[in-house]
């Protein structure tokens, strides 16, 4: 269970970083 929570937390963190990077690239593009 703890391993699953760690994987989920890591996935959420990675996806949020990806979204932030995508938003930053879009803003700089505009």
C-alpha atoms as a PDB file:
ATOM      1  CA  UNK A   1       0.000   0.000   0.000  1.00  0.00           C
ATOM      2  CA  UNK A   2       2.786   2.415   0.897  1.00  0.00           C
ATOM      3  CA  UNK A   3       4.572   1.613  -2.375  1.00  0.00           C
ATOM      4  CA  UNK A   4       1.375   2.329  -4.307  1.00  0.00           C
ATOM      5  CA  UNK A   5       0.953   5.693  -2.594  1.00  0.00           C
ATOM      6  CA  UNK A   6       4.573   6.551  -3.411  1.00  0.00           C
ATOM      7  CA  UNK A   7       4.068   5.677  -7.086  1.00  0.00           C
ATOM      8  CA  UNK A   8       0.839   7.697  -7.250  1.00  0.00           C
ATOM      9  CA  UNK A   9       2.469  10.682  -5.524  1.00  0.00           C
ATOM     10  CA  UNK A  10       5.424  10.528  -7.923  1.00  0.00           C
ATOM     11  CA  UNK A  11       3.111  10.310 -10.935  1.00  0.00           C
ATOM     12  CA  UNK A  12       1.053  13.306  -9.759  1.00  0.00           C
ATOM     13  CA  UNK A  13       4.217  15.328  -9.141  1.00  0.00           C
ATOM     14  CA  UNK A  14       5.661  14.406 -12.562  1.00  0.00           C
ATOM     15  CA  UNK A  15       2.408  15.213 -14.370  1.00  0.00           C
ATOM     16  CA  UNK A  16       2.071  18.555 -12.567  1.00  0.00           C
ATOM     17  CA  UNK A  17       5.641  19.438 -13.564  1.00  0.00           C
ATOM     18  CA  UNK A  18       4.856  18.475 -17.162  1.00  0.00           C
ATOM     19  CA  UNK A  19       1.731  20.651 -17.170  1.00  0.00           C
ATOM     20  CA  UNK A  20       3.671  23.575 -15.676  1.00  0.00           C
ATOM     21  CA  UNK A  21       6.397  23.190 -18.329  1.00  0.00           C
ATOM     22  CA  UNK A  22       3.768  23.007 -21.088  1.00  0.00           C
ATOM     23  CA  UNK A  23       2.012  26.134 -19.770  1.00  0.00           C
ATOM     24  CA  UNK A  24       5.329  28.008 -19.551  1.00  0.00           C
ATOM     25  CA  UNK A  25       6.232  27.058 -23.130  1.00  0.00           C
ATOM     26  CA  UNK A  26       2.798  28.174 -24.345  1.00  0.00           C
ATOM     27  CA  UNK A  27       3.110  31.528 -22.530  1.00  0.00           C
ATOM     28  CA  UNK A  28       6.572  32.140 -23.985  1.00  0.00           C
ATOM     29  CA  UNK A  29       5.247  31.120 -27.413  1.00  0.00           C
ATOM     30  CA  UNK A  30       2.526  33.749 -27.203  1.00  0.00           C
END
